[in-house]
Amino acid sequence: MNITLREEYLPLTPQALHILLSLSENQNTGYQLKIAIREDTHGSIELSSGSIYPTLKRMCHFGLVEALNPAFGPGPQGIKQVYRLTPEGWGAIEHELNRLERTITLGRARLANRVQYTQP
């Protein structure tokens, strides 16, 4: 992965990570991604059209996802855009999951060693 580009998009936002995770199973349209992410997160992350499409555009710019040739369908101007994960996107998932694992390990260690604070 290109270090300069990596600094531009890492760490991933929770929304971006879930878009990549969803695309790791299937290529999808933005609308299908919104539904899949809502289901995957049990409703804790709900992406609006105003957030998912700019995020997808940015991810395309950095090469994390690729927009396939548009097809006719129920989208703006009768077009539906399908997206798929790229090798750079797979690398971003791996990098982000490793980062989150380190954060969780640190957090669990701090919780295990917490000190009871007393009032002065």
PDB file of N, CA and C in Angstrom:
ATOM      1  N   MET A   1       0.835  -1.177   0.000  1.00  0.00           N
ATOM      2  CA  MET A   1       0.000   0.000   0.000  1.00  0.00           C
ATOM      3  C   MET A   1       0.883   1.244   0.000  1.00  0.00           C
ATOM      4  N   ASN A   2       0.448   2.256  -0.695  1.00  0.00           N
ATOM      5  CA  ASN A   2       1.187   3.502  -0.781  1.00  0.00           C
ATOM      6  C   ASN A   2       1.071   4.263   0.538  1.00  0.00           C
ATOM      7  N   ILE A   3       2.195   4.540   1.178  1.00  0.00           N
ATOM      8  CA  ILE A   3       2.200   5.194   2.486  1.00  0.00           C
ATOM      9  C   ILE A   3       1.514   6.553   2.426  1.00  0.00           C
ATOM     10  N   THR A   4       1.766   7.339   1.393  1.00  0.00           N
ATOM     11  CA  THR A   4       1.158   8.661   1.288  1.00  0.00           C
ATOM     12  C   THR A   4      -0.351   8.551   1.236  1.00  0.00           C
ATOM     13  N   LEU A   5      -0.866   7.660   0.404  1.00  0.00           N
ATOM     14  CA  LEU A   5      -2.313   7.479   0.336  1.00  0.00           C
ATOM     15  C   LEU A   5      -2.849   6.918   1.648  1.00  0.00           C
ATOM     16  N   ARG A   6      -2.147   5.991   2.254  1.00  0.00           N
ATOM     17  CA  ARG A   6      -2.600   5.376   3.496  1.00  0.00           C
ATOM     18  C   ARG A   6      -2.885   6.442   4.547  1.00  0.00           C
ATOM     19  N   GLU A   7      -2.027   7.442   4.642  1.00  0.00           N
ATOM     20  CA  GLU A   7      -2.222   8.503   5.623  1.00  0.00           C
ATOM     21  C   GLU A   7      -3.488   9.303   5.342  1.00  0.00           C
ATOM     22  N   GLU A   8      -3.914   9.328   4.100  1.00  0.00           N
ATOM     23  CA  GLU A   8      -5.109  10.079   3.732  1.00  0.00           C
ATOM     24  C   GLU A   8      -6.402   9.399   4.178  1.00  0.00           C
ATOM     25  N   TYR A   9      -6.429   8.079   4.235  1.00  0.00           N
ATOM     26  CA  TYR A   9      -7.688   7.407   4.538  1.00  0.00           C
ATOM     27  C   TYR A   9      -7.656   6.523   5.785  1.00  0.00           C
ATOM     28  N   LEU A  10      -6.511   6.392   6.432  1.00  0.00           N
ATOM     29  CA  LEU A  10      -6.447   5.588   7.650  1.00  0.00           C
ATOM     30  C   LEU A  10      -6.197   6.489   8.848  1.00  0.00           C
ATOM     31  N   PRO A  11      -6.778   6.245   9.995  1.00  0.00           N
ATOM     32  CA  PRO A  11      -7.680   5.136  10.263  1.00  0.00           C
ATOM     33  C   PRO A  11      -9.026   5.329   9.564  1.00  0.00           C
ATOM     34  N   LEU A  12      -9.669   4.217   9.283  1.00  0.00           N
ATOM     35  CA  LEU A  12     -10.970   4.243   8.635  1.00  0.00           C
ATOM     36  C   LEU A  12     -12.037   4.686   9.629  1.00  0.00           C
ATOM     37  N   THR A  13     -13.046   5.357   9.128  1.00  0.00           N
ATOM     38  CA  THR A  13     -14.215   5.631   9.956  1.00  0.00           C
ATOM     39  C   THR A  13     -14.985   4.321  10.110  1.00  0.00           C
ATOM     40  N   PRO A  14     -15.809   4.197  11.149  1.00  0.00           N
ATOM     41  CA  PRO A  14     -16.635   2.980  11.259  1.00  0.00           C
ATOM     42  C   PRO A  14     -17.482   2.747  10.008  1.00  0.00           C
ATOM     43  N   GLN A  15     -18.008   3.826   9.431  1.00  0.00           N
ATOM     44  CA  GLN A  15     -18.827   3.683   8.226  1.00  0.00           C
ATOM     45  C   GLN A  15     -18.006   3.124   7.070  1.00  0.00           C
ATOM     46  N   ALA A  16     -16.800   3.658   6.873  1.00  0.00           N
ATOM     47  CA  ALA A  16     -15.954   3.178   5.778  1.00  0.00           C
ATOM     48  C   ALA A  16     -15.553   1.727   5.988  1.00  0.00           C
ATOM     49  N   LEU A  17     -15.218   1.371   7.220  1.00  0.00           N
ATOM     50  CA  LEU A  17     -14.858  -0.019   7.502  1.00  0.00           C
ATOM     51  C   LEU A  17     -16.018  -0.945   7.174  1.00  0.00           C
ATOM     52  N   HIS A  18     -17.219  -0.568   7.548  1.00  0.00           N
ATOM     53  CA  HIS A  18     -18.370  -1.437   7.274  1.00  0.00           C
ATOM     54  C   HIS A  18     -18.701  -1.501   5.789  1.00  0.00           C
ATOM     55  N   ILE A  19     -18.446  -0.428   5.053  1.00  0.00           N
ATOM     56  CA  ILE A  19     -18.620  -0.494   3.597  1.00  0.00           C
ATOM     57  C   ILE A  19     -17.647  -1.519   3.022  1.00  0.00           C
ATOM     58  N   LEU A  20     -16.384  -1.444   3.433  1.00  0.00           N
ATOM     59  CA  LEU A  20     -15.385  -2.397   2.931  1.00  0.00           C
ATOM     60  C   LEU A  20     -15.731  -3.822   3.342  1.00  0.00           C
ATOM     61  N   LEU A  21     -16.154  -4.005   4.583  1.00  0.00           N
ATOM     62  CA  LEU A  21     -16.510  -5.354   5.044  1.00  0.00           C
ATOM     63  C   LEU A  21     -17.684  -5.909   4.249  1.00  0.00           C
ATOM     64  N   SER A  22     -18.641  -5.063   3.950  1.00  0.00           N
ATOM     65  CA  SER A  22     -19.786  -5.512   3.161  1.00  0.00           C
ATOM     66  C   SER A  22     -19.357  -5.882   1.741  1.00  0.00           C
ATOM     67  N   LEU A  23     -18.476  -5.064   1.166  1.00  0.00           N
ATOM     68  CA  LEU A  23     -17.999  -5.360  -0.189  1.00  0.00           C
ATOM     69  C   LEU A  23     -17.071  -6.571  -0.218  1.00  0.00           C
ATOM     70  N   SER A  24     -16.555  -6.990   0.936  1.00  0.00           N
ATOM     71  CA  SER A  24     -15.700  -8.179   0.964  1.00  0.00           C
ATOM     72  C   SER A  24     -16.512  -9.446   0.711  1.00  0.00           C
ATOM     73  N   GLU A  25     -17.817  -9.354   0.851  1.00  0.00           N
ATOM     74  CA  GLU A  25     -18.685 -10.509   0.565  1.00  0.00           C
ATOM     75  C   GLU A  25     -19.251 -10.481  -0.842  1.00  0.00           C
ATOM     76  N   ASN A  26     -19.667  -9.300  -1.284  1.00  0.00           N
ATOM     77  CA  ASN A  26     -20.321  -9.160  -2.592  1.00  0.00           C
ATOM     78  C   ASN A  26     -20.070  -7.779  -3.156  1.00  0.00           C
ATOM     79  N   GLN A  27     -20.048  -7.672  -4.464  1.00  0.00           N
ATOM     80  CA  GLN A  27     -20.102  -6.347  -5.067  1.00  0.00           C
ATOM     81  C   GLN A  27     -21.550  -5.887  -4.934  1.00  0.00           C
ATOM     82  N   ASN A  28     -21.744  -4.593  -4.698  1.00  0.00           N
ATOM     83  CA  ASN A  28     -23.075  -4.093  -4.390  1.00  0.00           C
ATOM     84  C   ASN A  28     -23.257  -2.663  -4.844  1.00  0.00           C
ATOM     85  N   THR A  29     -24.517  -2.254  -4.894  1.00  0.00           N
ATOM     86  CA  THR A  29     -24.853  -0.851  -5.119  1.00  0.00           C
ATOM     87  C   THR A  29     -24.821  -0.132  -3.776  1.00  0.00           C
ATOM     88  N   GLY A  30     -24.824   1.185  -3.810  1.00  0.00           N
ATOM     89  CA  GLY A  30     -24.862   1.960  -2.582  1.00  0.00           C
ATOM     90  C   GLY A  30     -26.084   1.622  -1.746  1.00  0.00           C
ATOM     91  N   TYR A  31     -27.231   1.494  -2.392  1.00  0.00           N
ATOM     92  CA  TYR A  31     -28.456   1.165  -1.664  1.00  0.00           C
ATOM     93  C   TYR A  31     -28.348  -0.206  -0.999  1.00  0.00           C
ATOM     94  N   GLN A  32     -27.838  -1.201  -1.720  1.00  0.00           N
ATOM     95  CA  GLN A  32     -27.667  -2.533  -1.141  1.00  0.00           C
ATOM     96  C   GLN A  32     -26.677  -2.510   0.018  1.00  0.00           C
ATOM     97  N   LEU A  33     -25.643  -1.673  -0.085  1.00  0.00           N
ATOM     98  CA  LEU A  33     -24.676  -1.531   1.001  1.00  0.00           C
ATOM     99  C   LEU A  33     -25.345  -0.962   2.242  1.00  0.00           C
ATOM    100  N   LYS A  34     -26.198   0.053   2.066  1.00  0.00           N
ATOM    101  CA  LYS A  34     -26.904   0.642   3.205  1.00  0.00           C
ATOM    102  C   LYS A  34     -27.703  -0.415   3.955  1.00  0.00           C
ATOM    103  N   ILE A  35     -28.402  -1.259   3.225  1.00  0.00           N
ATOM    104  CA  ILE A  35     -29.216  -2.310   3.841  1.00  0.00           C
ATOM    105  C   ILE A  35     -28.331  -3.335   4.545  1.00  0.00           C
ATOM    106  N   ALA A  36     -27.275  -3.780   3.861  1.00  0.00           N
ATOM    107  CA  ALA A  36     -26.373  -4.794   4.440  1.00  0.00           C
ATOM    108  C   ALA A  36     -25.712  -4.282   5.715  1.00  0.00           C
ATOM    109  N   ILE A  37     -25.284  -3.030   5.716  1.00  0.00           N
ATOM    110  CA  ILE A  37     -24.609  -2.464   6.891  1.00  0.00           C
ATOM    111  C   ILE A  37     -25.592  -2.323   8.043  1.00  0.00           C
ATOM    112  N   ARG A  38     -26.805  -1.906   7.763  1.00  0.00           N
ATOM    113  CA  ARG A  38     -27.822  -1.824   8.820  1.00  0.00           C
ATOM    114  C   ARG A  38     -28.035  -3.205   9.450  1.00  0.00           C
ATOM    115  N   GLU A  39     -28.094  -4.243   8.609  1.00  0.00           N
ATOM    116  CA  GLU A  39     -28.283  -5.604   9.120  1.00  0.00           C
ATOM    117  C   GLU A  39     -27.049  -6.093   9.875  1.00  0.00           C
ATOM    118  N   ASP A  40     -25.852  -5.867   9.307  1.00  0.00           N
ATOM    119  CA  ASP A  40     -24.614  -6.324   9.944  1.00  0.00           C
ATOM    120  C   ASP A  40     -24.410  -5.707  11.319  1.00  0.00           C
ATOM    121  N   THR A  41     -24.830  -4.451  11.487  1.00  0.00           N
ATOM    122  CA  THR A  41     -24.586  -3.735  12.746  1.00  0.00           C
ATOM    123  C   THR A  41     -25.820  -3.709  13.643  1.00  0.00           C
ATOM    124  N   HIS A  42     -26.837  -4.476  13.268  1.00  0.00           N
ATOM    125  CA  HIS A  42     -28.089  -4.520  14.025  1.00  0.00           C
ATOM    126  C   HIS A  42     -28.656  -3.117  14.232  1.00  0.00           C
ATOM    127  N   GLY A  43     -28.502  -2.283  13.208  1.00  0.00           N
ATOM    128  CA  GLY A  43     -29.061  -0.945  13.223  1.00  0.00           C
ATOM    129  C   GLY A  43     -28.214   0.108  13.908  1.00  0.00           C
ATOM    130  N   SER A  44     -27.046  -0.253  14.423  1.00  0.00           N
ATOM    131  CA  SER A  44     -26.237   0.756  15.118  1.00  0.00           C
ATOM    132  C   SER A  44     -25.547   1.712  14.141  1.00  0.00           C
ATOM    133  N   ILE A  45     -25.387   1.305  12.899  1.00  0.00           N
ATOM    134  CA  ILE A  45     -24.868   2.204  11.868  1.00  0.00           C
ATOM    135  C   ILE A  45     -25.883   2.231  10.730  1.00  0.00           C
ATOM    136  N   GLU A  46     -26.438   3.409  10.511  1.00  0.00           N
ATOM    137  CA  GLU A  46     -27.380   3.624   9.415  1.00  0.00           C
ATOM    138  C   GLU A  46     -26.810   4.706   8.525  1.00  0.00           C
ATOM    139  N   LEU A  47     -26.522   4.365   7.317  1.00  0.00           N
ATOM    140  CA  LEU A  47     -25.934   5.322   6.380  1.00  0.00           C
ATOM    141  C   LEU A  47     -27.028   5.942   5.516  1.00  0.00           C
ATOM    142  N   SER A  48     -27.001   7.246   5.417  1.00  0.00           N
ATOM    143  CA  SER A  48     -27.935   7.940   4.533  1.00  0.00           C
ATOM    144  C   SER A  48     -27.309   8.036   3.143  1.00  0.00           C
ATOM    145  N   SER A  49     -28.131   8.382   2.179  1.00  0.00           N
ATOM    146  CA  SER A  49     -27.604   8.594   0.825  1.00  0.00           C
ATOM    147  C   SER A  49     -26.596   9.733   0.829  1.00  0.00           C
ATOM    148  N   GLY A  50     -26.811  10.714   1.694  1.00  0.00           N
ATOM    149  CA  GLY A  50     -25.914  11.852   1.784  1.00  0.00           C
ATOM    150  C   GLY A  50     -24.563  11.537   2.392  1.00  0.00           C
ATOM    151  N   SER A  51     -24.448  10.347   3.018  1.00  0.00           N
ATOM    152  CA  SER A  51     -23.142   9.969   3.578  1.00  0.00           C
ATOM    153  C   SER A  51     -22.489   8.811   2.821  1.00  0.00           C
ATOM    154  N   ILE A  52     -23.286   7.872   2.342  1.00  0.00           N
ATOM    155  CA  ILE A  52     -22.673   6.694   1.719  1.00  0.00           C
ATOM    156  C   ILE A  52     -22.052   7.034   0.358  1.00  0.00           C
ATOM    157  N   TYR A  53     -22.728   7.847  -0.446  1.00  0.00           N
ATOM    158  CA  TYR A  53     -22.201   8.102  -1.790  1.00  0.00           C
ATOM    159  C   TYR A  53     -20.935   8.971  -1.773  1.00  0.00           C
ATOM    160  N   PRO A  54     -20.852  10.001  -0.938  1.00  0.00           N
ATOM    161  CA  PRO A  54     -19.566  10.709  -0.844  1.00  0.00           C
ATOM    162  C   PRO A  54     -18.444   9.823  -0.306  1.00  0.00           C
ATOM    163  N   THR A  55     -18.783   8.926   0.636  1.00  0.00           N
ATOM    164  CA  THR A  55     -17.772   8.006   1.167  1.00  0.00           C
ATOM    165  C   THR A  55     -17.298   7.056   0.077  1.00  0.00           C
ATOM    166  N   LEU A  56     -18.223   6.517  -0.707  1.00  0.00           N
ATOM    167  CA  LEU A  56     -17.854   5.631  -1.814  1.00  0.00           C
ATOM    168  C   LEU A  56     -17.010   6.369  -2.850  1.00  0.00           C
ATOM    169  N   LYS A  57     -17.362   7.618  -3.135  1.00  0.00           N
ATOM    170  CA  LYS A  57     -16.586   8.402  -4.102  1.00  0.00           C
ATOM    171  C   LYS A  57     -15.158   8.597  -3.603  1.00  0.00           C
ATOM    172  N   ARG A  58     -15.004   8.903  -2.308  1.00  0.00           N
ATOM    173  CA  ARG A  58     -13.675   9.086  -1.721  1.00  0.00           C
ATOM    174  C   ARG A  58     -12.896   7.767  -1.740  1.00  0.00           C
ATOM    175  N   MET A  59     -13.581   6.670  -1.446  1.00  0.00           N
ATOM    176  CA  MET A  59     -12.929   5.365  -1.448  1.00  0.00           C
ATOM    177  C   MET A  59     -12.496   4.974  -2.862  1.00  0.00           C
ATOM    178  N   CYS A  60     -13.281   5.344  -3.852  1.00  0.00           N
ATOM    179  CA  CYS A  60     -12.874   5.115  -5.252  1.00  0.00           C
ATOM    180  C   CYS A  60     -11.641   5.941  -5.579  1.00  0.00           C
ATOM    181  N   HIS A  61     -11.624   7.190  -5.122  1.00  0.00           N
ATOM    182  CA  HIS A  61     -10.486   8.071  -5.372  1.00  0.00           C
ATOM    183  C   HIS A  61      -9.187   7.478  -4.831  1.00  0.00           C
ATOM    184  N   PHE A  62      -9.253   6.853  -3.649  1.00  0.00           N
ATOM    185  CA  PHE A  62      -8.060   6.273  -3.033  1.00  0.00           C
ATOM    186  C   PHE A  62      -7.811   4.829  -3.468  1.00  0.00           C
ATOM    187  N   GLY A  63      -8.671   4.292  -4.337  1.00  0.00           N
ATOM    188  CA  GLY A  63      -8.451   2.953  -4.864  1.00  0.00           C
ATOM    189  C   GLY A  63      -8.857   1.827  -3.938  1.00  0.00           C
ATOM    190  N   LEU A  64      -9.658   2.129  -2.921  1.00  0.00           N
ATOM    191  CA  LEU A  64     -10.113   1.077  -2.003  1.00  0.00           C
ATOM    192  C   LEU A  64     -11.255   0.272  -2.603  1.00  0.00           C
ATOM    193  N   VAL A  65     -12.084   0.937  -3.371  1.00  0.00           N
ATOM    194  CA  VAL A  65     -13.180   0.284  -4.081  1.00  0.00           C
ATOM    195  C   VAL A  65     -13.147   0.750  -5.525  1.00  0.00           C
ATOM    196  N   GLU A  66     -13.812  -0.003  -6.351  1.00  0.00           N
ATOM    197  CA  GLU A  66     -13.870   0.305  -7.778  1.00  0.00           C
ATOM    198  C   GLU A  66     -15.329   0.365  -8.188  1.00  0.00           C
ATOM    199  N   ALA A  67     -15.688   1.408  -8.923  1.00  0.00           N
ATOM    200  CA  ALA A  67     -17.029   1.520  -9.490  1.00  0.00           C
ATOM    201  C   ALA A  67     -17.036   0.783 -10.821  1.00  0.00           C
ATOM    202  N   LEU A  68     -17.920  -0.173 -10.941  1.00  0.00           N
ATOM    203  CA  LEU A  68     -18.033  -0.926 -12.184  1.00  0.00           C
ATOM    204  C   LEU A  68     -18.869  -0.133 -13.175  1.00  0.00           C
ATOM    205  N   ASN A  69     -18.925  -0.585 -14.404  1.00  0.00           N
ATOM    206  CA  ASN A  69     -19.726   0.100 -15.408  1.00  0.00           C
ATOM    207  C   ASN A  69     -21.164   0.213 -14.918  1.00  0.00           C
ATOM    208  N   PRO A  70     -21.738   1.422 -14.986  1.00  0.00           N
ATOM    209  CA  PRO A  70     -23.111   1.591 -14.506  1.00  0.00           C
ATOM    210  C   PRO A  70     -24.091   0.757 -15.322  1.00  0.00           C
ATOM    211  N   ALA A  71     -25.139   0.332 -14.648  1.00  0.00           N
ATOM    212  CA  ALA A  71     -26.199  -0.433 -15.307  1.00  0.00           C
ATOM    213  C   ALA A  71     -27.508   0.322 -15.098  1.00  0.00           C
ATOM    214  N   PHE A  72     -28.467   0.087 -15.970  1.00  0.00           N
ATOM    215  CA  PHE A  72     -29.760   0.725 -15.794  1.00  0.00           C
ATOM    216  C   PHE A  72     -30.469   0.099 -14.614  1.00  0.00           C
ATOM    217  N   GLY A  73     -31.105   0.937 -13.828  1.00  0.00           N
ATOM    218  CA  GLY A  73     -31.819   0.453 -12.658  1.00  0.00           C
ATOM    219  C   GLY A  73     -32.425   1.609 -11.898  1.00  0.00           C
ATOM    220  N   PRO A  74     -32.884   1.334 -10.688  1.00  0.00           N
ATOM    221  CA  PRO A  74     -33.589   2.359  -9.905  1.00  0.00           C
ATOM    222  C   PRO A  74     -32.638   3.281  -9.162  1.00  0.00           C
ATOM    223  N   GLY A  75     -31.933   4.098  -9.871  1.00  0.00           N
ATOM    224  CA  GLY A  75     -31.028   5.056  -9.242  1.00  0.00           C
ATOM    225  C   GLY A  75     -31.191   6.412  -9.882  1.00  0.00           C
ATOM    226  N   PRO A  76     -30.343   7.359  -9.514  1.00  0.00           N
ATOM    227  CA  PRO A  76     -30.428   8.677 -10.155  1.00  0.00           C
ATOM    228  C   PRO A  76     -30.317   8.535 -11.668  1.00  0.00           C
ATOM    229  N   GLN A  77     -31.208   9.171 -12.355  1.00  0.00           N
ATOM    230  CA  GLN A  77     -31.266   9.112 -13.824  1.00  0.00           C
ATOM    231  C   GLN A  77     -31.413   7.671 -14.339  1.00  0.00           C
ATOM    232  N   GLY A  78     -31.995   6.778 -13.522  1.00  0.00           N
ATOM    233  CA  GLY A  78     -32.215   5.404 -13.964  1.00  0.00           C
ATOM    234  C   GLY A  78     -30.962   4.560 -14.023  1.00  0.00           C
ATOM    235  N   ILE A  79     -29.899   4.986 -13.321  1.00  0.00           N
ATOM    236  CA  ILE A  79     -28.632   4.250 -13.348  1.00  0.00           C
ATOM    237  C   ILE A  79     -28.335   3.723 -11.952  1.00  0.00           C
ATOM    238  N   LYS A  80     -27.873   2.489 -11.867  1.00  0.00           N
ATOM    239  CA  LYS A  80     -27.396   1.985 -10.581  1.00  0.00           C
ATOM    240  C   LYS A  80     -25.912   1.677 -10.727  1.00  0.00           C
ATOM    241  N   GLN A  81     -25.146   2.173  -9.785  1.00  0.00           N
ATOM    242  CA  GLN A  81     -23.698   2.001  -9.786  1.00  0.00           C
ATOM    243  C   GLN A  81     -23.355   0.845  -8.856  1.00  0.00           C
ATOM    244  N   VAL A  82     -22.570  -0.093  -9.349  1.00  0.00           N
ATOM    245  CA  VAL A  82     -22.142  -1.237  -8.551  1.00  0.00           C
ATOM    246  C   VAL A  82     -20.675  -1.025  -8.186  1.00  0.00           C
ATOM    247  N   TYR A  83     -20.345  -1.352  -6.937  1.00  0.00           N
ATOM    248  CA  TYR A  83     -18.986  -1.179  -6.420  1.00  0.00           C
ATOM    249  C   TYR A  83     -18.420  -2.527  -6.022  1.00  0.00           C
ATOM    250  N   ARG A  84     -17.084  -2.630  -6.118  1.00  0.00           N
ATOM    251  CA  ARG A  84     -16.422  -3.839  -5.640  1.00  0.00           C
ATOM    252  C   ARG A  84     -15.124  -3.448  -4.937  1.00  0.00           C
ATOM    253  N   LEU A  85     -14.680  -4.347  -4.075  1.00  0.00           N
ATOM    254  CA  LEU A  85     -13.467  -4.155  -3.294  1.00  0.00           C
ATOM    255  C   LEU A  85     -12.244  -4.387  -4.169  1.00  0.00           C
ATOM    256  N   THR A  86     -11.205  -3.605  -3.947  1.00  0.00           N
ATOM    257  CA  THR A  86      -9.938  -3.755  -4.672  1.00  0.00           C
ATOM    258  C   THR A  86      -8.894  -4.379  -3.735  1.00  0.00           C
ATOM    259  N   PRO A  87      -7.755  -4.800  -4.261  1.00  0.00           N
ATOM    260  CA  PRO A  87      -6.677  -5.291  -3.385  1.00  0.00           C
ATOM    261  C   PRO A  87      -6.268  -4.242  -2.341  1.00  0.00           C
ATOM    262  N   GLU A  88      -6.276  -2.971  -2.711  1.00  0.00           N
ATOM    263  CA  GLU A  88      -5.971  -1.896  -1.750  1.00  0.00           C
ATOM    264  C   GLU A  88      -7.022  -1.864  -0.639  1.00  0.00           C
ATOM    265  N   GLY A  89      -8.264  -2.121  -1.000  1.00  0.00           N
ATOM    266  CA  GLY A  89      -9.338  -2.175  -0.007  1.00  0.00           C
ATOM    267  C   GLY A  89      -9.156  -3.329   0.963  1.00  0.00           C
ATOM    268  N   TRP A  90      -8.751  -4.489   0.447  1.00  0.00           N
ATOM    269  CA  TRP A  90      -8.465  -5.631   1.324  1.00  0.00           C
ATOM    270  C   TRP A  90      -7.343  -5.275   2.300  1.00  0.00           C
ATOM    271  N   GLY A  91      -6.320  -4.587   1.805  1.00  0.00           N
ATOM    272  CA  GLY A  91      -5.220  -4.170   2.668  1.00  0.00           C
ATOM    273  C   GLY A  91      -5.679  -3.199   3.741  1.00  0.00           C
ATOM    274  N   ALA A  92      -6.593  -2.289   3.382  1.00  0.00           N
ATOM    275  CA  ALA A  92      -7.123  -1.331   4.360  1.00  0.00           C
ATOM    276  C   ALA A  92      -7.915  -2.044   5.449  1.00  0.00           C
ATOM    277  N   ILE A  93      -8.700  -3.070   5.066  1.00  0.00           N
ATOM    278  CA  ILE A  93      -9.435  -3.856   6.065  1.00  0.00           C
ATOM    279  C   ILE A  93      -8.457  -4.505   7.030  1.00  0.00           C
ATOM    280  N   GLU A  94      -7.443  -5.159   6.487  1.00  0.00           N
ATOM    281  CA  GLU A  94      -6.466  -5.847   7.332  1.00  0.00           C
ATOM    282  C   GLU A  94      -5.761  -4.864   8.271  1.00  0.00           C
ATOM    283  N   HIS A  95      -5.329  -3.739   7.737  1.00  0.00           N
ATOM    284  CA  HIS A  95      -4.645  -2.738   8.545  1.00  0.00           C
ATOM    285  C   HIS A  95      -5.557  -2.226   9.662  1.00  0.00           C
ATOM    286  N   GLU A  96      -6.798  -1.922   9.328  1.00  0.00           N
ATOM    287  CA  GLU A  96      -7.729  -1.373  10.313  1.00  0.00           C
ATOM    288  C   GLU A  96      -8.083  -2.396  11.386  1.00  0.00           C
ATOM    289  N   LEU A  97      -8.283  -3.649  11.005  1.00  0.00           N
ATOM    290  CA  LEU A  97      -8.593  -4.674  12.005  1.00  0.00           C
ATOM    291  C   LEU A  97      -7.411  -4.905  12.943  1.00  0.00           C
ATOM    292  N   ASN A  98      -6.199  -4.863  12.414  1.00  0.00           N
ATOM    293  CA  ASN A  98      -5.011  -4.975  13.272  1.00  0.00           C
ATOM    294  C   ASN A  98      -4.933  -3.801  14.246  1.00  0.00           C
ATOM    295  N   ARG A  99      -5.222  -2.597  13.769  1.00  0.00           N
ATOM    296  CA  ARG A  99      -5.219  -1.412  14.625  1.00  0.00           C
ATOM    297  C   ARG A  99      -6.259  -1.536  15.730  1.00  0.00           C
ATOM    298  N   LEU A 100      -7.454  -1.996  15.366  1.00  0.00           N
ATOM    299  CA  LEU A 100      -8.512  -2.160  16.358  1.00  0.00           C
ATOM    300  C   LEU A 100      -8.168  -3.245  17.374  1.00  0.00           C
ATOM    301  N   GLU A 101      -7.540  -4.328  16.921  1.00  0.00           N
ATOM    302  CA  GLU A 101      -7.111  -5.384  17.856  1.00  0.00           C
ATOM    303  C   GLU A 101      -6.110  -4.846  18.870  1.00  0.00           C
ATOM    304  N   ARG A 102      -5.168  -4.021  18.419  1.00  0.00           N
ATOM    305  CA  ARG A 102      -4.194  -3.418  19.345  1.00  0.00           C
ATOM    306  C   ARG A 102      -4.892  -2.502  20.347  1.00  0.00           C
ATOM    307  N   THR A 103      -5.869  -1.750  19.874  1.00  0.00           N
ATOM    308  CA  THR A 103      -6.617  -0.855  20.749  1.00  0.00           C
ATOM    309  C   THR A 103      -7.403  -1.653  21.792  1.00  0.00           C
ATOM    310  N   ILE A 104      -8.031  -2.728  21.367  1.00  0.00           N
ATOM    311  CA  ILE A 104      -8.795  -3.569  22.295  1.00  0.00           C
ATOM    312  C   ILE A 104      -7.871  -4.218  23.316  1.00  0.00           C
ATOM    313  N   THR A 105      -6.723  -4.705  22.869  1.00  0.00           N
ATOM    314  CA  THR A 105      -5.754  -5.312  23.794  1.00  0.00           C
ATOM    315  C   THR A 105      -5.311  -4.291  24.838  1.00  0.00           C
ATOM    316  N   LEU A 106      -4.997  -3.083  24.407  1.00  0.00           N
ATOM    317  CA  LEU A 106      -4.597  -2.024  25.333  1.00  0.00           C
ATOM    318  C   LEU A 106      -5.724  -1.699  26.302  1.00  0.00           C
ATOM    319  N   GLY A 107      -6.921  -1.556  25.782  1.00  0.00           N
ATOM    320  CA  GLY A 107      -8.071  -1.240  26.628  1.00  0.00           C
ATOM    321  C   GLY A 107      -8.347  -2.317  27.668  1.00  0.00           C
ATOM    322  N   ARG A 108      -8.270  -3.572  27.261  1.00  0.00           N
ATOM    323  CA  ARG A 108      -8.503  -4.674  28.213  1.00  0.00           C
ATOM    324  C   ARG A 108      -7.415  -4.703  29.295  1.00  0.00           C
ATOM    325  N   ALA A 109      -6.169  -4.431  28.899  1.00  0.00           N
ATOM    326  CA  ALA A 109      -5.076  -4.396  29.877  1.00  0.00           C
ATOM    327  C   ALA A 109      -5.291  -3.255  30.866  1.00  0.00           C
ATOM    328  N   ARG A 110      -5.702  -2.115  30.367  1.00  0.00           N
ATOM    329  CA  ARG A 110      -5.937  -0.975  31.264  1.00  0.00           C
ATOM    330  C   ARG A 110      -7.107  -1.265  32.200  1.00  0.00           C
ATOM    331  N   LEU A 111      -8.138  -1.908  31.693  1.00  0.00           N
ATOM    332  CA  LEU A 111      -9.270  -2.264  32.564  1.00  0.00           C
ATOM    333  C   LEU A 111      -8.843  -3.263  33.631  1.00  0.00           C
ATOM    334  N   ALA A 112      -8.025  -4.239  33.248  1.00  0.00           N
ATOM    335  CA  ALA A 112      -7.575  -5.260  34.197  1.00  0.00           C
ATOM    336  C   ALA A 112      -6.700  -4.657  35.293  1.00  0.00           C
ATOM    337  N   ASN A 113      -5.983  -3.586  34.976  1.00  0.00           N
ATOM    338  CA  ASN A 113      -5.065  -2.972  35.936  1.00  0.00           C
ATOM    339  C   ASN A 113      -5.610  -1.693  36.547  1.00  0.00           C
ATOM    340  N   ARG A 114      -6.899  -1.471  36.404  1.00  0.00           N
ATOM    341  CA  ARG A 114      -7.438  -0.198  36.898  1.00  0.00           C
ATOM    342  C   ARG A 114      -7.272  -0.079  38.413  1.00  0.00           C
ATOM    343  N   VAL A 115      -7.072   1.115  38.812  1.00  0.00           N
ATOM    344  CA  VAL A 115      -6.888   1.427  40.230  1.00  0.00           C
ATOM    345  C   VAL A 115      -8.159   2.087  40.724  1.00  0.00           C
ATOM    346  N   GLN A 116      -8.582   1.706  41.907  1.00  0.00           N
ATOM    347  CA  GLN A 116      -9.741   2.348  42.505  1.00  0.00           C
ATOM    348  C   GLN A 116      -9.335   3.734  42.970  1.00  0.00           C
ATOM    349  N   TYR A 117      -9.997   4.730  42.454  1.00  0.00           N
ATOM    350  CA  TYR A 117      -9.688   6.103  42.825  1.00  0.00           C
ATOM    351  C   TYR A 117     -10.502   6.461  44.066  1.00  0.00           C
ATOM    352  N   THR A 118      -9.869   7.162  44.960  1.00  0.00           N
ATOM    353  CA  THR A 118     -10.565   7.583  46.180  1.00  0.00           C
ATOM    354  C   THR A 118     -10.721   9.093  46.172  1.00  0.00           C
ATOM    355  N   GLN A 119     -11.734   9.531  46.849  1.00  0.00           N
ATOM    356  CA  GLN A 119     -11.958  10.968  46.978  1.00  0.00           C
ATOM    357  C   GLN A 119     -10.935  11.551  47.940  1.00  0.00           C
ATOM    358  N   PRO A 120     -10.351  12.716  47.625  1.00  0.00           N
ATOM    359  CA  PRO A 120      -9.390  13.329  48.556  1.00  0.00           C
ATOM    360  C   PRO A 120     -10.061  13.846  49.808  1.00  0.00           C
TER     361      PRO A 120
END
